[in-house]
Protein backbone atom coordinates (compact mmCIF):
# COMPACT_ATOMS: atom_id res chain seq x y z
CA MET A 1 33.47 114.89 37.00
CA VAL A 2 32.14 118.09 34.12
CA ILE A 3 29.21 118.42 36.54
CA GLY A 4 32.00 119.78 39.49
CA ILE A 5 34.14 121.48 37.07
CA LEU A 6 31.84 123.32 36.06
CA THR A 7 30.81 124.43 40.24
CA ALA A 8 34.24 125.34 41.17
CA VAL A 9 34.21 127.23 37.71
CA ILE A 10 31.35 129.16 38.23
CA GLY A 11 31.52 129.68 41.92
CA ASP A 12 35.18 131.53 41.46
CA VAL A 13 34.21 134.20 37.88
CA ALA A 14 31.17 134.54 40.61
CA SER A 15 33.46 135.90 43.53
CA SER A 16 35.56 137.63 40.91
CA PHE A 17 32.40 139.39 39.65
CA GLY A 18 30.66 140.58 42.32
CA CYS A 19 33.68 141.52 43.56
CA SER A 20 34.66 143.94 40.14
CA ILE A 21 31.23 145.32 40.04
CA GLY A 22 30.72 146.26 43.53
CA LEU A 23 28.48 143.83 45.03
CA THR A 24 28.44 142.53 48.18
CA ASP A 25 29.25 139.40 49.17
CA ALA A 26 25.61 138.23 50.68
CA VAL A 27 24.07 139.47 46.58
CA THR A 28 27.28 137.90 44.85
CA ALA A 29 26.26 134.77 47.18
CA ILE A 30 22.31 134.82 47.11
CA THR A 31 22.98 134.72 42.57
CA PHE A 32 25.83 133.73 41.06
CA VAL A 33 27.51 131.27 44.19
CA ALA A 34 23.37 130.09 44.49
CA LEU A 35 23.62 129.03 40.90
CA GLY A 36 26.89 127.39 41.39
CA THR A 37 25.95 125.24 44.07
CA SER A 38 22.36 124.28 42.76
CA LEU A 39 23.36 123.45 38.80
CA PRO A 40 24.76 120.27 39.36
CA ASP A 41 21.18 119.50 41.59
CA THR A 42 19.42 121.05 39.07
CA PHE A 43 21.26 118.34 36.14
CA ALA A 44 20.66 114.86 39.05
CA SER A 45 16.79 116.34 39.62
CA LYS A 46 16.18 116.61 35.83
CA VAL A 47 17.62 113.31 35.25
CA ALA A 48 15.73 112.05 37.97
CA ALA A 49 12.78 112.86 36.93
CA ILE A 50 13.19 111.78 32.91
CA GLY A 51 13.57 108.08 34.62
CA ASP A 52 10.54 108.53 37.06
CA GLN A 53 7.49 107.95 36.46
CA TYR A 54 6.30 110.23 39.56
CA ALA A 55 8.63 112.43 39.55
CA ASP A 56 8.95 112.49 43.76
CA SER A 57 12.78 111.41 43.90
CA SER A 58 13.52 114.49 41.68
CA ILE A 59 11.17 117.03 43.83
CA GLY A 60 12.86 115.19 46.89
CA ASN A 61 16.31 115.84 45.71
CA VAL A 62 15.65 119.54 45.06
CA THR A 63 14.29 120.17 48.25
CA GLY A 64 17.16 117.69 49.60
CA SER A 65 20.13 119.04 47.64
CA ASN A 66 19.18 123.06 49.37
CA ALA A 67 18.71 121.52 52.45
CA VAL A 68 21.99 120.13 52.84
CA ASN A 69 23.94 122.92 51.02
CA VAL A 70 22.39 125.10 53.81
CA PHE A 71 23.08 122.89 56.88
CA LEU A 72 26.59 121.62 56.03
CA GLY A 73 27.75 124.23 54.23
CA ILE A 74 26.43 126.74 56.91
CA GLY A 75 26.89 123.86 59.94
CA LEU A 76 30.08 122.84 58.90
CA GLY A 77 31.87 125.97 58.70
CA TRP A 78 30.16 127.09 62.22
CA SER A 79 31.67 123.94 64.02
CA ILE A 80 34.50 124.17 63.10
CA ALA A 81 34.97 127.93 64.17
CA ALA A 82 33.44 127.25 66.96
CA ILE A 83 35.88 124.15 67.89
CA TYR A 84 38.89 126.43 66.26
CA HIS A 85 38.13 129.39 69.03
CA ALA A 86 37.18 127.05 71.56
CA ILE A 87 41.06 125.90 71.05
CA LYS A 88 42.36 128.64 71.40
CA GLY A 89 40.55 130.43 74.17
CA THR A 90 39.15 132.95 72.12
CA GLN A 91 35.21 133.92 71.42
CA PHE A 92 33.58 132.64 68.07
CA LEU A 93 31.39 135.65 67.30
CA VAL A 94 28.78 135.95 64.33
CA GLN A 95 27.39 139.25 63.11
CA PRO A 96 23.92 138.35 62.34
CA GLY A 97 23.93 140.33 59.51
CA SER A 98 20.97 140.63 57.04
CA LEU A 99 20.69 136.48 57.30
CA GLY A 100 16.75 136.87 59.15
CA PHE A 101 15.20 138.90 57.35
CA SER A 102 16.46 137.06 54.30
CA VAL A 103 15.30 133.74 55.75
CA THR A 104 12.31 134.41 56.86
CA THR A 105 11.10 136.14 52.72
CA PHE A 106 13.09 132.65 51.43
CA CYS A 107 10.86 130.04 53.98
CA ILE A 108 7.82 132.43 52.91
CA PHE A 109 8.61 132.02 49.19
CA ALA A 110 9.04 127.81 49.50
CA VAL A 111 5.79 127.08 51.38
CA VAL A 112 3.77 129.67 48.25
CA ALA A 113 6.47 126.50 46.06
CA ILE A 114 5.51 124.11 48.07
CA ILE A 115 1.87 125.15 47.65
CA LEU A 116 1.77 125.27 43.65
CA ILE A 117 3.60 121.77 43.84
CA MET A 118 0.79 120.84 45.68
CA PHE A 119 -1.91 121.87 43.76
CA ARG A 120 -0.19 120.60 40.81
CA ARG A 121 -0.82 117.48 41.86
CA LYS A 122 -4.80 117.59 41.16
CA LYS A 123 -4.65 115.13 38.35
CA SER A 124 -6.47 117.56 36.13
CA ILE A 125 -3.16 119.20 35.66
CA GLY A 126 -1.21 116.13 35.36
CA GLY A 127 1.62 116.18 38.21
CA GLU A 128 4.04 118.63 39.74
CA LEU A 129 6.68 118.13 36.20
CA GLY A 130 3.38 117.11 33.67
CA GLY A 131 0.83 118.21 32.23
CA PRO A 132 -0.62 120.62 29.53
CA LYS A 133 2.05 123.03 28.58
CA VAL A 134 0.18 126.02 29.52
CA ALA A 135 0.18 124.66 33.03
CA LYS A 136 3.88 123.97 32.67
CA TYR A 137 5.13 127.54 31.46
CA ILE A 138 3.19 128.79 33.75
CA SER A 139 4.42 127.12 36.58
CA ALA A 140 7.42 127.89 35.42
CA LEU A 141 7.13 131.45 35.01
CA PHE A 142 5.20 131.85 38.75
CA LEU A 143 8.89 130.09 40.77
CA PHE A 144 10.78 132.50 38.42
CA PHE A 145 9.09 135.51 38.93
CA LEU A 146 9.30 134.10 43.00
CA TRP A 147 13.24 133.47 42.79
CA PHE A 148 13.34 137.09 41.30
CA VAL A 149 11.67 138.75 43.91
CA TYR A 150 13.61 137.08 46.37
CA ILE A 151 16.55 138.44 45.10
CA LEU A 152 15.42 141.57 44.96
CA LEU A 153 14.11 141.75 48.23
CA ALA A 154 17.34 140.19 50.02
CA GLY A 155 19.51 142.70 47.58
CA LEU A 156 17.44 145.51 48.80
CA GLU A 157 17.68 145.06 52.51
CA ASN A 158 21.16 144.60 52.23
CA TYR A 159 22.01 147.64 50.40
CA CYS A 160 19.78 148.57 53.31
CA ILE A 161 17.27 150.42 50.91
CA ILE A 162 14.61 148.66 52.89
CA GLU A 163 14.53 147.54 55.99
CA GLY A 164 14.41 143.98 57.20
CA PHE A 165 14.00 143.07 60.71
C-alpha cells in the first residue's frame, strides 16, 4: 500500500513539476512519470533478487513489468478511446509525434542491456546481479549511462534539436 501511495504521489508531483518548469508531456513522461511507474517494480525486483538464488524472477520481473506498463498503459487507453469514438461515430486519430524515434532508441538500448546481462552470466563474473563489486558497479554505471543517453536523445528529438524519423 505504501508503494502504491508513493507511486501516485510521484506521478502527480512529476506532472505538476514538468508543467511548472516547461517540460513537454513527452519529456515529463519518459523521466518523472516513468520513475513513478517503475519504482514499485524496482522494489519487487530487489525482494525477488534477495530471495532467489539465481535472480531469474528478478530479471523476469524487470522485463515483464515494463512490458505490462507499455502494453496495458498504451493499449488499454487506445482501445477505450477507439471504442468510444466508434460508438460516437467519429474517427479516432493518434498523432505519431516522436514515438518512432523513442521506441527505436529504447529497443536498441534494451538489446544492449540484454547483451550485458548475457555477458554477466559467465562464471568468471558471477551472475547477472552478483559477482565481484567492480563488475557490479561497472554494470550499474553502464546501465545508468544507457538510461541517461536515452533520455538525452529522446528529449533532444522531442524539442526538435535533433531530427528523428
